Amino acid sequence: IVTAILTFIFALALWLIQRDRYSVEYDLVESEVFPRERGVGRFFVLKLRNVGNKPVQELQIRIALEAGRIESVRLSDVALIGDIKTSSSEWQGTLTLLNPGETFEVTVTAEGSTAITTPKFQLAHSALQRSFGILTNFLLSAR
């Protein structure tokens, strides 16, 4: 009976390790406010890393500022982003493919007359039931 229990535990552990897993970690890095010609500036870097064992396709990214305006957006690999939409306070794009172990970064430079708030961002994927805080067949976690 001990052998059967050990075999079951080993098989369960092996299944947990090898099963298909969509998992993305994110990190948001923000600069301090710095002086600009027309007020103040600040930059934000959204880093996404696929820590699962399955490629993530068609990941929708939305970054929105409540105060301030987006001056520029720099992407770590422009070829991986499609459906880009930009306004003065919002940037959207679709990350076409993020393979296991790969990292993708979006750097937003913002400016404002006084304060610039930390942006709100959403990530959405077809395997998700909801945006930002995903726990159904797809895991989004902060590093």
Protein backbone atom coordinates (compact mmCIF):
# COMPACT_ATOMS: atom_id res chain seq x y z
CA ILE A 1 0.00 0.00 0.00
CA VAL A 2 2.92 2.36 0.70
CA THR A 3 4.22 1.73 -2.82
CA ALA A 4 0.84 2.62 -4.31
CA ILE A 5 0.68 5.88 -2.32
CA LEU A 6 4.23 6.85 -3.33
CA THR A 7 3.46 6.05 -6.98
CA PHE A 8 0.32 8.20 -6.82
CA ILE A 9 2.18 11.14 -5.23
CA PHE A 10 4.98 10.89 -7.83
CA ALA A 11 2.47 10.72 -10.70
CA LEU A 12 0.55 13.71 -9.33
CA ALA A 13 3.75 15.77 -8.94
CA LEU A 14 4.85 14.86 -12.48
CA TRP A 15 1.43 15.83 -13.87
CA LEU A 16 1.52 19.19 -12.06
CA ILE A 17 4.94 19.96 -13.52
CA GLN A 18 4.13 18.91 -17.08
CA ARG A 19 0.56 20.16 -17.54
CA ASP A 20 -0.11 23.04 -19.90
CA ARG A 21 0.20 26.33 -18.06
CA TYR A 22 -0.42 29.89 -19.24
CA SER A 23 1.29 32.23 -16.80
CA VAL A 24 2.45 35.84 -17.15
CA GLU A 25 4.29 37.85 -14.50
CA TYR A 26 4.26 41.62 -14.66
CA ASP A 27 6.27 44.37 -13.05
CA LEU A 28 5.56 48.11 -13.23
CA VAL A 29 8.59 50.34 -12.69
CA GLU A 30 8.02 54.09 -12.23
CA SER A 31 10.45 56.98 -12.20
CA GLU A 32 10.36 59.94 -9.89
CA VAL A 33 8.90 63.15 -11.28
CA PHE A 34 11.47 65.15 -13.26
CA PRO A 35 11.30 68.73 -14.63
CA ARG A 36 10.33 69.31 -18.28
CA GLU A 37 10.00 72.41 -20.44
CA ARG A 38 6.21 72.36 -20.14
CA GLY A 39 5.80 71.09 -16.58
CA VAL A 40 6.92 67.75 -15.20
CA GLY A 41 7.63 64.34 -16.67
CA ARG A 42 7.66 60.76 -15.54
CA PHE A 43 8.25 57.39 -17.18
CA PHE A 44 6.75 53.98 -16.55
CA VAL A 45 7.99 50.58 -17.70
CA LEU A 46 5.53 47.68 -17.87
CA LYS A 47 7.48 44.41 -18.04
CA LEU A 48 5.67 41.21 -19.03
CA ARG A 49 7.33 37.78 -18.76
CA ASN A 50 5.85 34.45 -19.81
CA VAL A 51 6.68 32.09 -16.93
CA GLY A 52 4.31 29.37 -18.13
CA ASN A 53 5.14 26.50 -20.46
CA LYS A 54 2.74 27.54 -23.27
CA PRO A 55 3.08 30.48 -25.67
CA VAL A 56 0.64 33.34 -25.00
CA GLN A 57 -0.91 34.70 -28.18
CA GLU A 58 -3.03 37.79 -28.72
CA LEU A 59 -2.50 39.38 -25.29
CA GLN A 60 -4.26 42.75 -25.26
CA ILE A 61 -2.51 45.53 -23.34
CA ARG A 62 -4.14 48.81 -22.30
CA ILE A 63 -2.33 51.57 -20.40
CA ALA A 64 -4.31 54.64 -19.29
CA LEU A 65 -3.33 57.81 -17.43
CA GLU A 66 -5.86 59.63 -15.25
CA ALA A 67 -3.66 62.74 -14.98
CA GLY A 68 -1.01 63.82 -17.47
CA ARG A 69 -0.62 62.90 -21.11
CA ILE A 70 1.36 60.26 -22.95
CA GLU A 71 4.30 61.86 -24.74
CA SER A 72 5.88 58.71 -26.16
CA VAL A 73 5.71 54.92 -26.06
CA ARG A 74 8.70 52.67 -26.69
CA LEU A 75 8.35 48.91 -27.21
CA SER A 76 11.07 46.32 -26.68
CA ASP A 77 10.09 44.63 -29.98
CA VAL A 78 7.80 46.59 -32.31
CA ALA A 79 7.27 43.54 -34.55
CA LEU A 80 5.37 41.76 -31.76
CA ILE A 81 2.67 44.44 -31.36
CA GLY A 82 -0.36 44.92 -33.55
CA ASP A 83 -3.63 46.87 -33.42
CA ILE A 84 -1.98 49.90 -31.82
CA LYS A 85 -4.32 52.70 -30.72
CA THR A 86 -2.97 55.85 -29.10
CA SER A 87 -4.58 58.93 -27.62
CA SER A 88 -3.22 61.61 -25.31
CA SER A 89 -4.06 59.61 -22.19
CA GLU A 90 -4.26 55.98 -23.38
CA TRP A 91 -2.24 53.41 -25.33
CA GLN A 92 -3.51 50.03 -26.51
CA GLY A 93 -1.89 47.22 -28.43
CA THR A 94 -2.05 43.47 -28.96
CA LEU A 95 1.03 41.41 -28.17
CA THR A 96 0.87 38.77 -30.89
CA LEU A 97 3.17 36.18 -29.29
CA LEU A 98 5.08 35.78 -26.04
CA ASN A 99 6.90 32.44 -25.84
CA PRO A 100 7.81 30.75 -22.54
CA GLY A 101 10.74 32.54 -20.92
CA GLU A 102 10.43 35.64 -23.09
CA THR A 103 10.03 39.18 -21.76
CA PHE A 104 8.30 42.16 -23.38
CA GLU A 105 8.50 45.78 -22.19
CA VAL A 106 6.39 48.86 -22.82
CA THR A 107 8.00 52.16 -21.75
CA VAL A 108 5.64 55.14 -21.48
CA THR A 109 6.95 58.68 -21.08
CA ALA A 110 4.31 61.01 -19.69
CA GLU A 111 4.19 64.75 -19.10
CA GLY A 112 1.85 67.04 -17.24
CA SER A 113 1.50 70.53 -15.89
CA THR A 114 1.51 69.35 -12.26
CA ALA A 115 1.27 65.72 -11.16
CA ILE A 116 1.25 62.55 -13.20
CA THR A 117 -0.54 59.59 -11.64
CA THR A 118 0.56 55.98 -11.90
CA PRO A 119 -1.18 54.52 -14.95
CA LYS A 120 -3.85 51.88 -14.75
CA PHE A 121 -3.25 48.95 -17.01
CA GLN A 122 -5.25 45.96 -18.16
CA LEU A 123 -4.19 42.71 -19.74
CA ALA A 124 -6.79 40.57 -21.49
CA HIS A 125 -6.51 37.21 -23.22
CA SER A 126 -9.03 34.83 -24.77
CA ALA A 127 -8.29 32.30 -22.00
CA LEU A 128 -9.21 34.87 -19.38
CA GLN A 129 -12.52 35.35 -17.66
CA ARG A 130 -11.65 38.89 -16.56
CA SER A 131 -8.92 41.47 -16.89
CA PHE A 132 -6.10 42.18 -14.42
CA GLY A 133 -5.91 39.55 -11.71
CA ILE A 134 -6.37 36.47 -13.76
CA LEU A 135 -6.83 33.06 -12.20
CA THR A 136 -8.57 30.82 -14.77
CA ASN A 137 -6.24 28.72 -16.91
CA PHE A 138 -4.05 31.81 -17.09
CA LEU A 139 -2.14 33.30 -14.20
CA LEU A 140 -1.08 36.92 -13.94
CA SER A 141 1.13 37.72 -11.00
CA ALA A 142 3.32 40.55 -9.81
CA ARG A 143 7.01 39.88 -9.36
